[in-house]
Protein backbone atom coordinates (compact mmCIF):
# COMPACT_ATOMS: atom_id res chain seq x y z
CA MET A 1 0.15 0.00 0.02
CA ARG A 2 2.80 2.49 0.86
CA GLY A 3 4.35 1.86 -2.71
CA THR A 4 0.91 2.69 -4.18
CA LEU A 5 0.73 5.99 -2.32
CA LEU A 6 4.25 7.13 -3.18
CA LEU A 7 3.54 6.26 -6.87
CA LEU A 8 0.19 8.27 -6.60
CA CYS A 9 2.31 11.18 -5.04
CA ALA A 10 4.73 11.00 -7.99
CA VAL A 11 2.07 11.06 -10.60
CA LEU A 12 -0.27 13.63 -9.08
CA ILE A 13 2.11 16.06 -7.48
CA GLY A 14 5.22 15.52 -9.81
CA CYS A 15 3.57 15.69 -13.02
CA ALA A 16 -0.18 16.98 -12.72
CA GLY A 17 -1.53 20.55 -12.39
CA ASP A 18 -3.28 22.36 -9.45
CA GLU A 19 -6.52 20.53 -9.98
CA ALA A 20 -4.93 17.16 -9.50
CA LYS A 21 -3.25 18.33 -6.37
CA LYS A 22 -6.44 19.31 -5.07
CA GLU A 23 -8.04 15.99 -5.49
CA LEU A 24 -5.12 14.09 -3.80
CA PRO A 25 -6.33 14.29 -0.39
CA LYS A 26 -9.63 12.95 -1.56
CA LYS A 27 -7.89 9.95 -3.26
CA LEU A 28 -6.04 9.18 0.04
CA GLU A 29 -9.00 9.48 2.35
CA SER A 30 -10.88 7.28 0.08
CA LYS A 31 -8.54 4.41 0.90
CA ASN A 32 -8.93 4.80 4.61
CA GLU A 33 -10.32 1.89 6.75
CA THR A 34 -12.31 2.18 9.75
CA ALA A 35 -9.99 1.39 13.00
CA PRO A 36 -11.01 -1.29 15.28
CA ASP A 37 -12.97 -0.12 18.42
CA VAL A 38 -9.90 -0.77 20.40
CA PHE A 39 -6.49 -1.92 19.40
CA THR A 40 -2.87 -1.90 20.46
CA ALA A 41 -0.20 -0.03 18.73
CA LEU A 42 3.32 -1.42 19.53
CA PHE A 43 6.16 1.25 19.00
CA ASP A 44 9.57 -0.46 18.62
CA THR A 45 11.96 2.44 19.39
CA SER A 46 15.63 3.02 19.74
CA LYS A 47 15.11 2.99 23.51
CA GLY A 48 12.80 -0.09 23.75
CA PRO A 49 9.13 -1.07 23.13
CA VAL A 50 6.24 1.02 23.99
CA THR A 51 2.74 -0.22 24.02
CA VAL A 52 -0.13 2.15 23.33
CA GLU A 53 -3.87 1.09 23.81
CA VAL A 54 -5.82 3.12 21.34
CA HIS A 55 -9.57 3.78 21.62
CA ARG A 56 -11.70 4.73 18.61
CA ASP A 57 -14.52 6.22 20.72
CA TRP A 58 -12.18 8.67 22.21
CA ALA A 59 -11.48 10.47 18.93
CA PRO A 60 -12.91 8.64 15.84
CA HIS A 61 -11.46 10.78 13.13
CA GLY A 62 -8.00 10.91 14.67
CA VAL A 63 -7.90 7.19 15.54
CA ASP A 64 -8.90 6.08 11.94
CA HIS A 65 -6.14 8.37 10.45
CA PHE A 66 -3.68 6.82 12.79
CA TYR A 67 -4.58 3.33 11.97
CA ASN A 68 -4.14 3.96 8.41
CA LEU A 69 -0.88 5.85 8.69
CA ILE A 70 0.48 2.80 10.61
CA LYS A 71 -0.53 0.51 8.00
CA THR A 72 1.22 2.44 5.33
CA GLY A 73 4.52 2.24 7.47
CA TYR A 74 4.33 6.30 7.82
CA TYR A 75 5.82 6.21 11.26
CA ASP A 76 8.60 3.73 10.83
CA GLY A 77 11.99 5.40 11.14
CA ASN A 78 10.48 8.78 12.44
CA ARG A 79 12.77 10.71 14.87
CA ILE A 80 11.39 11.78 18.07
CA TYR A 81 12.37 15.10 17.26
CA ARG A 82 10.83 17.38 19.98
CA VAL A 83 11.29 16.31 23.58
CA THR A 84 10.64 18.77 26.43
CA HIS A 85 9.58 18.42 30.06
CA SER A 86 6.09 18.09 28.82
CA TYR A 87 5.99 16.35 25.50
CA ALA A 88 7.79 13.81 23.25
CA GLN A 89 6.62 14.72 19.62
CA PHE A 90 7.10 12.68 16.49
CA GLY A 91 5.42 12.40 13.00
CA VAL A 92 7.47 13.93 10.35
CA ASN A 93 8.36 11.12 7.96
CA GLY A 94 12.03 10.74 7.06
CA ASP A 95 11.42 11.19 3.28
CA PRO A 96 10.12 14.88 2.59
CA ALA A 97 7.88 13.54 -0.24
CA THR A 98 6.05 11.30 1.81
CA THR A 99 5.70 14.18 4.65
CA ARG A 100 4.28 16.44 1.93
CA LEU A 101 1.96 13.70 0.73
CA TRP A 102 0.27 13.35 3.95
CA SER A 103 0.38 16.91 5.28
CA MET A 104 -2.31 17.60 2.61
CA VAL A 105 -4.79 15.39 4.61
CA THR A 106 -6.15 17.20 7.47
CA ILE A 107 -8.26 15.19 10.01
CA PRO A 108 -11.64 16.76 10.92
CA PRO A 109 -11.86 17.91 14.65
CA ASP A 110 -12.88 15.54 17.32
CA PRO A 111 -14.36 16.40 20.58
CA VAL A 112 -12.09 16.23 23.74
CA LYS A 113 -13.33 13.27 25.71
CA GLN A 114 -10.17 12.24 27.74
CA SER A 115 -7.75 14.26 29.62
CA ASN A 116 -4.20 15.02 28.64
CA VAL A 117 -2.60 13.40 31.56
CA LYS A 118 0.84 11.65 31.62
CA GLY A 119 0.98 8.87 29.23
CA MET A 120 -1.57 9.91 26.80
CA LEU A 121 -0.95 10.19 23.10
CA THR A 122 -2.46 13.07 21.40
CA TYR A 123 -2.38 14.72 18.02
CA ALA A 124 -0.26 17.95 17.73
CA GLN A 125 -1.93 20.86 16.06
CA THR A 126 -1.81 24.59 15.27
CA GLY A 127 -5.43 25.17 15.47
CA THR A 128 -8.87 23.52 14.76
CA GLY A 129 -8.66 21.33 11.70
CA THR A 130 -5.11 21.34 11.20
CA ARG A 131 -4.15 17.59 12.65
CA THR A 132 -2.34 15.64 9.92
CA THR A 133 0.37 13.21 11.01
CA GLN A 134 2.14 14.59 14.36
CA LEU A 135 1.49 13.23 17.50
CA PHE A 136 3.07 13.59 21.13
CA PHE A 137 3.30 11.60 24.20
CA ASN A 138 2.23 13.58 27.33
CA LEU A 139 5.28 13.53 29.81
CA ARG A 140 3.19 14.95 32.46
CA ASP A 141 -0.18 16.01 33.31
CA ASN A 142 -1.12 18.82 30.53
CA HIS A 143 -4.83 18.93 31.11
CA ALA A 144 -4.74 22.67 32.30
CA ASN A 145 -3.37 23.74 28.85
CA LEU A 146 -4.59 21.01 26.29
CA ASP A 147 -7.91 19.78 27.40
CA LYS A 148 -10.07 22.30 25.59
CA THR A 149 -8.91 21.38 21.96
CA PHE A 150 -6.47 18.40 22.00
CA ALA A 151 -8.07 15.13 22.00
CA PRO A 152 -6.04 12.14 23.04
CA ILE A 153 -6.38 8.97 21.14
CA GLY A 154 -4.62 6.35 23.26
CA LYS A 155 -2.63 5.84 26.41
CA VAL A 156 0.58 3.98 27.21
CA VAL A 157 -0.07 0.82 29.05
CA SER A 158 3.48 -0.21 29.06
CA GLY A 159 6.99 1.29 28.40
CA MET A 160 6.49 4.59 30.05
CA ASP A 161 9.84 4.49 31.31
CA VAL A 162 11.12 4.16 27.72
CA VAL A 163 9.29 7.28 26.62
CA GLU A 164 10.71 9.14 29.59
CA ARG A 165 14.03 8.19 28.60
CA PHE A 166 13.71 9.63 25.01
CA TYR A 167 16.76 12.10 24.35
CA GLY A 168 15.88 15.60 25.34
CA GLY A 169 19.18 17.35 25.20
CA TYR A 170 18.29 19.66 22.24
CA GLY A 171 15.23 20.81 23.93
CA ASP A 172 12.27 22.51 22.21
CA TRP A 173 12.36 23.99 18.73
CA PRO A 174 13.66 27.48 18.28
CA PRO A 175 13.39 30.01 19.76
CA ALA A 176 12.57 28.25 22.89
CA GLY A 177 15.13 25.77 22.45
CA ALA A 178 18.01 24.48 20.26
CA GLY A 179 16.03 21.59 18.81
CA PRO A 180 15.24 21.06 15.01
CA GLU A 181 13.55 23.68 13.10
CA GLN A 182 10.11 22.52 11.82
CA ALA A 183 10.51 24.16 8.29
CA LYS A 184 13.89 22.30 7.69
CA LEU A 185 12.76 19.14 9.21
CA GLN A 186 9.69 19.04 6.81
CA ALA A 187 11.91 20.16 3.83
CA GLU A 188 14.78 17.84 4.36
CA GLY A 189 13.61 14.86 6.58
CA ASN A 190 16.12 12.64 8.26
CA ALA A 191 19.09 13.85 6.41
CA TYR A 192 18.86 17.02 8.40
CA LEU A 193 18.35 15.40 11.62
CA GLU A 194 21.15 12.83 11.15
CA THR A 195 23.62 15.57 10.26
CA ARG A 196 22.30 18.22 12.91
CA PHE A 197 20.82 16.15 15.69
CA PRO A 198 22.33 12.72 15.69
CA ARG A 199 21.48 11.86 19.31
CA LEU A 200 17.70 11.74 18.65
CA ASP A 201 15.62 8.67 19.50
CA TYR A 202 13.62 7.22 16.87
CA ILE A 203 10.84 4.68 16.02
CA LYS A 204 12.14 1.66 14.28
CA LYS A 205 8.58 0.33 13.38
CA VAL A 206 4.84 0.75 14.49
CA SER A 207 2.73 -2.39 14.38
CA ILE A 208 -0.80 -3.01 15.06
CA GLN A 209 -1.24 -5.87 17.36
């Protein structure tokens, strides 16, 4: 499936015009499957395994999208590029073309049904209707800041000690810290991170159990 999507990207983005580009998100969305009511996502990371229990009733749109991204292998090889005292964030693919492809598909809003307490997995966003592929593990209770608009999709049921050991020496992105710049990361992918931020931990593979 991943090969099919990348071929679709090459055909519609690389060769076609603006109208074809506008249709691409619809073509990707049409391939989506409905996620199970509850499933387990196993993160095989450079620090060890992390098991997340995902609940569709918590955030149906977000969970369906996450389920299909896992099936395409989107998160395999992702760097955990933003680690602060509050969050461990990932979700930018190592291949910029793949990132551009999926960044065109936004997820409809989900009402917040669970609290962003320590161990919850939640989509990153910059406003309503901007969720795409990036998620973060809550490293502490963030309910006071996030519970109005950030809907968790799952919770860590084993391996939270692994999440807490993800390398955070670079800190937040600029100007708050010395971590990777979002624009460069999306434009250059893992090549940028491997050169400038070699100590980042990473996701080897995410699988549905």
